[in-house]
């Protein structure tokens, strides 16, 4: 069985400062990285679009979070 976690950006991965990006939720970020390393698939699910979405994705990558999908379901 494969697990999938969809996670919101503003107010979840970071403090809600929309349209800016708030302080990281380090506890959650660290937990998600461990889960990803253990085979869990991650989806970033956010209302951000365009440049703001790209900034959020880049911010996540800078914090070591790589998603399997962004605003889309996975085939499984």
N, C-alpha and C. Protein backbone atom coordinates (compact mmCIF):
# COMPACT_ATOMS: atom_id res chain seq x y z
N UNK A 1 0.85 -1.18 0.00
CA UNK A 1 0.00 0.00 0.00
C UNK A 1 0.89 1.24 0.00
N UNK A 2 0.52 2.19 -0.81
CA UNK A 2 1.26 3.44 -0.93
C UNK A 2 0.46 4.57 -0.28
N UNK A 3 1.15 5.37 0.52
CA UNK A 3 0.48 6.49 1.18
C UNK A 3 0.76 7.77 0.43
N UNK A 4 -0.25 8.65 0.41
CA UNK A 4 -0.14 9.96 -0.23
C UNK A 4 -0.60 11.00 0.76
N UNK A 5 0.18 12.06 0.91
CA UNK A 5 -0.19 13.18 1.77
C UNK A 5 -0.26 14.43 0.91
N UNK A 6 -1.41 15.10 0.96
CA UNK A 6 -1.56 16.41 0.31
C UNK A 6 -1.46 17.47 1.41
N UNK A 7 -0.64 18.47 1.18
CA UNK A 7 -0.39 19.48 2.20
C UNK A 7 -0.54 20.88 1.61
N UNK A 8 -1.19 21.74 2.38
CA UNK A 8 -1.38 23.13 1.98
C UNK A 8 -0.10 23.92 2.27
N UNK A 9 0.03 25.07 1.64
CA UNK A 9 1.22 25.89 1.82
C UNK A 9 1.00 26.94 2.91
N UNK A 10 0.20 27.96 2.59
CA UNK A 10 -0.01 29.08 3.52
C UNK A 10 -0.78 28.64 4.76
N UNK A 11 -0.19 28.88 5.92
CA UNK A 11 -0.83 28.51 7.17
C UNK A 11 -0.58 27.07 7.57
N UNK A 12 0.12 26.31 6.74
CA UNK A 12 0.42 24.92 7.06
C UNK A 12 1.94 24.68 6.99
N UNK A 13 2.50 24.74 5.80
CA UNK A 13 3.96 24.60 5.68
C UNK A 13 4.68 25.84 6.18
N UNK A 14 3.99 26.97 6.10
CA UNK A 14 4.57 28.21 6.59
C UNK A 14 3.48 29.04 7.26
N UNK A 15 3.91 29.99 8.05
CA UNK A 15 2.99 30.92 8.71
C UNK A 15 2.19 31.67 7.63
N UNK A 16 0.93 31.92 7.87
CA UNK A 16 0.08 32.57 6.87
C UNK A 16 0.39 34.06 6.80
N UNK A 17 1.09 34.45 5.74
CA UNK A 17 1.43 35.86 5.48
C UNK A 17 1.07 36.23 4.04
N UNK A 18 0.17 35.45 3.44
CA UNK A 18 -0.18 35.62 2.03
C UNK A 18 -0.46 37.09 1.71
N UNK A 19 0.07 37.62 0.62
CA UNK A 19 0.76 36.94 -0.48
C UNK A 19 2.26 36.73 -0.23
N UNK A 20 2.79 37.21 0.89
CA UNK A 20 4.18 36.93 1.24
C UNK A 20 4.28 35.49 1.74
N UNK A 21 5.50 35.05 2.00
CA UNK A 21 5.71 33.72 2.55
C UNK A 21 6.18 33.88 3.99
N UNK A 22 5.45 33.24 4.89
CA UNK A 22 5.75 33.35 6.32
C UNK A 22 6.87 32.43 6.76
N UNK A 23 7.10 32.40 8.06
CA UNK A 23 8.13 31.56 8.65
C UNK A 23 7.79 30.09 8.46
N UNK A 24 8.81 29.26 8.24
CA UNK A 24 8.55 27.83 8.02
C UNK A 24 8.04 27.13 9.26
N UNK A 25 7.19 26.13 9.03
CA UNK A 25 6.74 25.22 10.08
C UNK A 25 7.74 24.06 10.07
N UNK A 26 8.85 24.26 10.76
CA UNK A 26 9.98 23.32 10.70
C UNK A 26 9.61 21.92 11.17
N UNK A 27 8.75 21.82 12.17
CA UNK A 27 8.36 20.50 12.68
C UNK A 27 7.65 19.72 11.58
N UNK A 28 6.70 20.35 10.91
CA UNK A 28 5.98 19.67 9.83
C UNK A 28 6.89 19.36 8.66
N UNK A 29 7.72 20.31 8.27
CA UNK A 29 8.63 20.11 7.15
C UNK A 29 9.55 18.93 7.41
N UNK A 30 10.13 18.86 8.61
CA UNK A 30 11.01 17.75 8.95
C UNK A 30 10.26 16.42 8.92
N UNK A 31 9.04 16.41 9.44
CA UNK A 31 8.23 15.20 9.43
C UNK A 31 7.93 14.74 8.00
N UNK A 32 7.57 15.67 7.14
CA UNK A 32 7.26 15.32 5.75
C UNK A 32 8.49 14.79 5.02
N UNK A 33 9.66 15.34 5.30
CA UNK A 33 10.89 14.85 4.67
C UNK A 33 11.17 13.41 5.10
N UNK A 34 10.97 13.11 6.37
CA UNK A 34 11.16 11.74 6.86
C UNK A 34 10.17 10.80 6.16
N UNK A 35 8.91 11.21 6.10
CA UNK A 35 7.89 10.37 5.45
C UNK A 35 8.23 10.14 3.98
N UNK A 36 8.66 11.19 3.29
CA UNK A 36 9.03 11.08 1.87
C UNK A 36 10.18 10.07 1.72
N UNK A 37 11.16 10.15 2.60
CA UNK A 37 12.28 9.20 2.55
C UNK A 37 11.84 7.77 2.83
N UNK A 38 10.68 7.61 3.47
CA UNK A 38 10.13 6.28 3.75
C UNK A 38 9.09 5.85 2.73
N UNK A 39 9.02 6.55 1.59
CA UNK A 39 8.17 6.11 0.49
C UNK A 39 6.82 6.78 0.35
N UNK A 40 6.49 7.70 1.24
CA UNK A 40 5.22 8.41 1.13
C UNK A 40 5.31 9.41 -0.02
N UNK A 41 4.26 9.50 -0.80
CA UNK A 41 4.18 10.48 -1.89
C UNK A 41 3.60 11.77 -1.33
N UNK A 42 4.13 12.90 -1.79
CA UNK A 42 3.68 14.21 -1.31
C UNK A 42 3.10 15.04 -2.44
N UNK A 43 1.97 15.70 -2.14
CA UNK A 43 1.34 16.62 -3.07
C UNK A 43 1.27 17.98 -2.40
N UNK A 44 1.74 19.01 -3.09
CA UNK A 44 1.54 20.37 -2.63
C UNK A 44 0.20 20.84 -3.19
N UNK A 45 -0.72 21.20 -2.30
CA UNK A 45 -2.06 21.62 -2.70
C UNK A 45 -2.26 23.03 -2.19
N UNK A 46 -2.32 24.00 -3.10
CA UNK A 46 -2.36 25.40 -2.71
C UNK A 46 -3.19 26.21 -3.69
N UNK A 47 -3.69 27.34 -3.23
CA UNK A 47 -4.44 28.25 -4.10
C UNK A 47 -3.50 29.19 -4.87
N UNK A 48 -2.22 29.14 -4.56
CA UNK A 48 -1.27 30.00 -5.25
C UNK A 48 -1.18 29.59 -6.72
N UNK A 49 -1.01 30.59 -7.59
CA UNK A 49 -0.87 30.35 -9.02
C UNK A 49 0.24 31.25 -9.56
N UNK A 50 0.67 30.95 -10.78
CA UNK A 50 1.64 31.79 -11.46
C UNK A 50 2.94 31.95 -10.69
N UNK A 51 3.43 33.19 -10.64
CA UNK A 51 4.70 33.47 -9.96
C UNK A 51 4.65 33.12 -8.48
N UNK A 52 3.51 33.34 -7.83
CA UNK A 52 3.40 33.02 -6.41
C UNK A 52 3.51 31.51 -6.18
N UNK A 53 2.98 30.73 -7.10
CA UNK A 53 3.11 29.28 -7.00
C UNK A 53 4.57 28.88 -7.18
N UNK A 54 5.22 29.44 -8.17
CA UNK A 54 6.64 29.13 -8.41
C UNK A 54 7.48 29.51 -7.20
N UNK A 55 7.19 30.64 -6.57
CA UNK A 55 7.91 31.04 -5.36
C UNK A 55 7.70 30.03 -4.24
N UNK A 56 6.49 29.54 -4.09
CA UNK A 56 6.19 28.55 -3.06
C UNK A 56 6.94 27.25 -3.32
N UNK A 57 6.95 26.80 -4.57
CA UNK A 57 7.66 25.57 -4.93
C UNK A 57 9.16 25.73 -4.66
N UNK A 58 9.72 26.87 -5.07
CA UNK A 58 11.14 27.14 -4.84
C UNK A 58 11.44 27.18 -3.34
N UNK A 59 10.56 27.81 -2.57
CA UNK A 59 10.73 27.91 -1.12
C UNK A 59 10.76 26.51 -0.51
N UNK A 60 9.83 25.66 -0.96
CA UNK A 60 9.79 24.29 -0.45
C UNK A 60 11.07 23.55 -0.79
N UNK A 61 11.54 23.68 -2.02
CA UNK A 61 12.78 23.02 -2.41
C UNK A 61 13.95 23.53 -1.58
N UNK A 62 13.98 24.83 -1.30
CA UNK A 62 15.04 25.39 -0.46
C UNK A 62 15.00 24.81 0.95
N UNK A 63 13.83 24.34 1.38
CA UNK A 63 13.68 23.72 2.70
C UNK A 63 13.72 22.20 2.62
N UNK A 64 14.12 21.67 1.47
CA UNK A 64 14.31 20.23 1.32
C UNK A 64 13.07 19.42 1.00
N UNK A 65 11.97 20.10 0.64
CA UNK A 65 10.73 19.40 0.30
C UNK A 65 10.57 19.33 -1.22
N UNK A 66 10.53 18.12 -1.72
CA UNK A 66 10.31 17.90 -3.15
C UNK A 66 8.98 17.14 -3.27
N UNK A 67 8.08 17.69 -4.06
CA UNK A 67 6.74 17.12 -4.19
C UNK A 67 6.63 16.24 -5.42
N UNK A 68 5.78 15.22 -5.31
CA UNK A 68 5.50 14.32 -6.42
C UNK A 68 4.48 14.93 -7.38
N UNK A 69 3.71 15.89 -6.88
CA UNK A 69 2.73 16.58 -7.71
C UNK A 69 2.41 17.92 -7.04
N UNK A 70 1.95 18.85 -7.86
CA UNK A 70 1.53 20.16 -7.36
C UNK A 70 0.14 20.44 -7.92
N UNK A 71 -0.83 20.60 -7.02
CA UNK A 71 -2.22 20.89 -7.38
C UNK A 71 -2.82 19.87 -8.34
N UNK A 72 -2.34 18.63 -8.26
CA UNK A 72 -2.88 17.54 -9.07
C UNK A 72 -2.83 16.26 -8.26
N UNK A 73 -3.76 15.37 -8.56
CA UNK A 73 -3.73 14.04 -7.95
C UNK A 73 -2.68 13.20 -8.64
N UNK A 74 -2.22 12.19 -7.96
CA UNK A 74 -1.31 11.22 -8.55
C UNK A 74 -2.12 10.10 -9.20
N UNK A 75 -1.58 9.42 -10.19
CA UNK A 75 -2.33 8.36 -10.86
C UNK A 75 -2.80 7.26 -9.92
N UNK A 76 -2.00 6.98 -8.88
CA UNK A 76 -2.38 5.89 -7.98
C UNK A 76 -3.41 6.35 -7.01
